[in-house]
Protein backbone atom coordinates (compact mmCIF):
# COMPACT_ATOMS: atom_id res chain seq x y z
CA MET A 1 -0.01 0.02 -0.02
CA GLN A 2 2.93 2.38 0.55
CA VAL A 3 3.41 2.76 -3.23
CA TYR A 4 0.14 4.71 -3.26
CA ILE A 5 0.85 7.16 -0.41
CA ALA A 6 4.47 7.31 0.60
CA ASP A 7 5.76 10.87 0.10
CA PHE A 8 2.71 11.71 -1.80
CA GLY A 9 2.83 15.30 -3.23
CA LYS A 10 6.54 15.41 -3.66
CA LYS A 11 6.49 14.48 -7.36
CA LYS A 12 4.96 16.52 -10.09
CA ASP A 13 2.71 13.63 -11.15
CA ASP A 14 1.09 13.32 -7.69
CA ILE A 15 -2.42 14.79 -7.84
CA GLY A 16 -5.22 14.33 -5.33
CA LEU A 17 -8.83 15.30 -4.92
CA VAL A 18 -11.28 14.85 -2.03
CA ALA A 19 -15.04 14.76 -1.85
CA GLU A 20 -16.68 16.53 1.10
CA VAL A 21 -20.22 16.09 2.40
CA ASP A 22 -21.43 18.32 5.29
CA GLY A 23 -17.89 19.25 6.23
CA LYS A 24 -16.70 15.67 6.27
CA ILE A 25 -14.22 14.17 3.88
CA VAL A 26 -16.01 11.08 2.52
CA GLY A 27 -13.70 10.02 -0.32
CA ALA A 28 -10.56 10.65 -2.29
CA VAL A 29 -9.15 10.08 -5.62
CA TRP A 30 -5.43 10.34 -6.39
CA VAL A 31 -3.03 9.59 -9.17
CA ARG A 32 0.65 9.20 -9.47
CA ILE A 33 3.18 7.53 -11.78
CA MET A 34 4.05 4.43 -9.75
CA ASN A 35 4.88 0.82 -10.17
CA ASP A 36 1.61 -0.57 -9.02
CA TYR A 37 -0.82 -3.16 -10.46
CA GLY A 38 -2.21 -0.51 -12.77
CA HIS A 39 1.26 0.52 -14.02
CA LEU A 40 1.26 0.89 -17.79
CA ASN A 41 4.38 3.01 -18.51
CA ASP A 42 6.43 5.80 -16.92
CA THR A 43 4.34 8.58 -18.48
CA THR A 44 0.81 7.28 -17.52
CA PRO A 45 -0.60 8.16 -14.09
CA SER A 46 -2.33 5.31 -12.23
CA PHE A 47 -5.59 5.92 -10.39
CA ALA A 48 -6.41 5.05 -6.79
CA ILE A 49 -9.90 5.88 -5.32
CA SER A 50 -11.50 5.33 -1.92
CA LEU A 51 -15.03 6.20 -0.81
CA TYR A 52 -16.70 5.42 2.49
CA LYS A 53 -19.16 2.62 1.97
CA GLU A 54 -22.18 4.64 3.16
CA TYR A 55 -21.53 7.27 0.47
CA ARG A 56 -21.35 4.80 -2.48
CA GLY A 57 -24.13 4.75 -5.10
CA PHE A 58 -24.73 8.45 -5.07
CA GLY A 59 -22.40 9.48 -7.93
CA ILE A 60 -19.64 10.77 -5.77
CA GLY A 61 -17.04 8.37 -6.96
CA THR A 62 -18.06 9.03 -10.64
CA ALA A 63 -17.79 12.79 -10.13
CA MET A 64 -14.33 12.45 -8.47
CA MET A 65 -13.19 10.31 -11.36
CA LYS A 66 -14.52 12.64 -14.08
CA LYS A 67 -12.93 15.68 -12.33
CA MET A 68 -9.55 13.89 -12.04
CA LEU A 69 -9.65 12.93 -15.71
CA CYS A 70 -10.28 16.59 -16.59
CA VAL A 71 -7.36 17.72 -14.34
CA LEU A 72 -5.15 15.23 -16.09
CA LYS A 73 -6.15 16.38 -19.61
CA GLU A 74 -5.58 19.95 -18.49
CA ARG A 75 -2.08 19.15 -17.40
CA GLY A 76 -1.21 17.53 -20.70
CA TYR A 77 -1.53 13.82 -19.98
CA THR A 78 -2.93 11.67 -22.74
CA GLN A 79 -4.06 8.62 -20.82
CA SER A 80 -4.48 7.12 -17.36
CA SER A 81 -4.54 3.56 -16.07
CA LEU A 82 -5.86 1.52 -13.14
CA ALA A 83 -6.16 -2.02 -11.94
CA VAL A 84 -9.22 -3.43 -10.49
CA GLN A 85 -10.48 -6.85 -9.21
CA LYS A 86 -12.78 -8.44 -11.86
CA ALA A 87 -15.46 -8.95 -9.23
CA ASN A 88 -15.40 -5.30 -8.07
CA VAL A 89 -18.73 -3.51 -8.84
CA ALA A 90 -16.68 -0.31 -9.63
CA VAL A 91 -15.66 -1.94 -12.90
CA GLU A 92 -18.87 -0.62 -14.48
CA MET A 93 -18.36 2.84 -13.08
CA TYR A 94 -14.79 2.91 -14.55
CA LYS A 95 -16.19 1.96 -17.92
CA LYS A 96 -18.82 4.68 -17.67
CA VAL A 97 -16.18 7.30 -17.20
CA GLY A 98 -14.12 6.11 -20.13
CA PHE A 99 -11.87 3.37 -19.03
CA GLN A 100 -11.52 0.30 -21.23
CA ILE A 101 -10.19 -3.20 -20.28
CA VAL A 102 -6.87 -3.59 -22.02
CA GLU A 103 -5.49 -6.68 -20.20
CA GLU A 104 -6.61 -9.47 -17.84
CA LYS A 105 -4.11 -10.28 -15.13
CA GLY A 106 -5.43 -13.24 -13.06
CA GLU A 107 -8.21 -11.88 -10.98
CA GLU A 108 -7.71 -8.37 -12.11
CA TYR A 109 -8.29 -6.14 -15.08
CA LEU A 110 -5.78 -3.44 -16.28
CA MET A 111 -7.91 -0.55 -17.60
CA LEU A 112 -6.91 2.47 -19.72
CA CYS A 113 -8.59 5.74 -20.31
CA ASN A 114 -7.52 7.95 -23.22
CA LEU A 115 -7.91 11.55 -22.46
């Protein structure tokens, strides 16, 4: 897990956003170029997202993903990637925001979004 958070913010490719409801942070999405399961190459940021369970299903995760994709495009990136368990219900949300499955790795999908 340290690959996702260690020294976050010290590299130019580290970008994070949070979702807030009634003054409480309920979720976050962040990207960085890292050698994680979603690693595609050294110019493609990998996504990580987390949302408290009780706030899922309201479009918050989708909104965070869409906003981050806009930020990446504004900063000149041409694509982003992520890895997700095949059984994860979020696979459909990732497809909805523009990610496509490019590879199957055991129990996971490697997904790519062209910006």
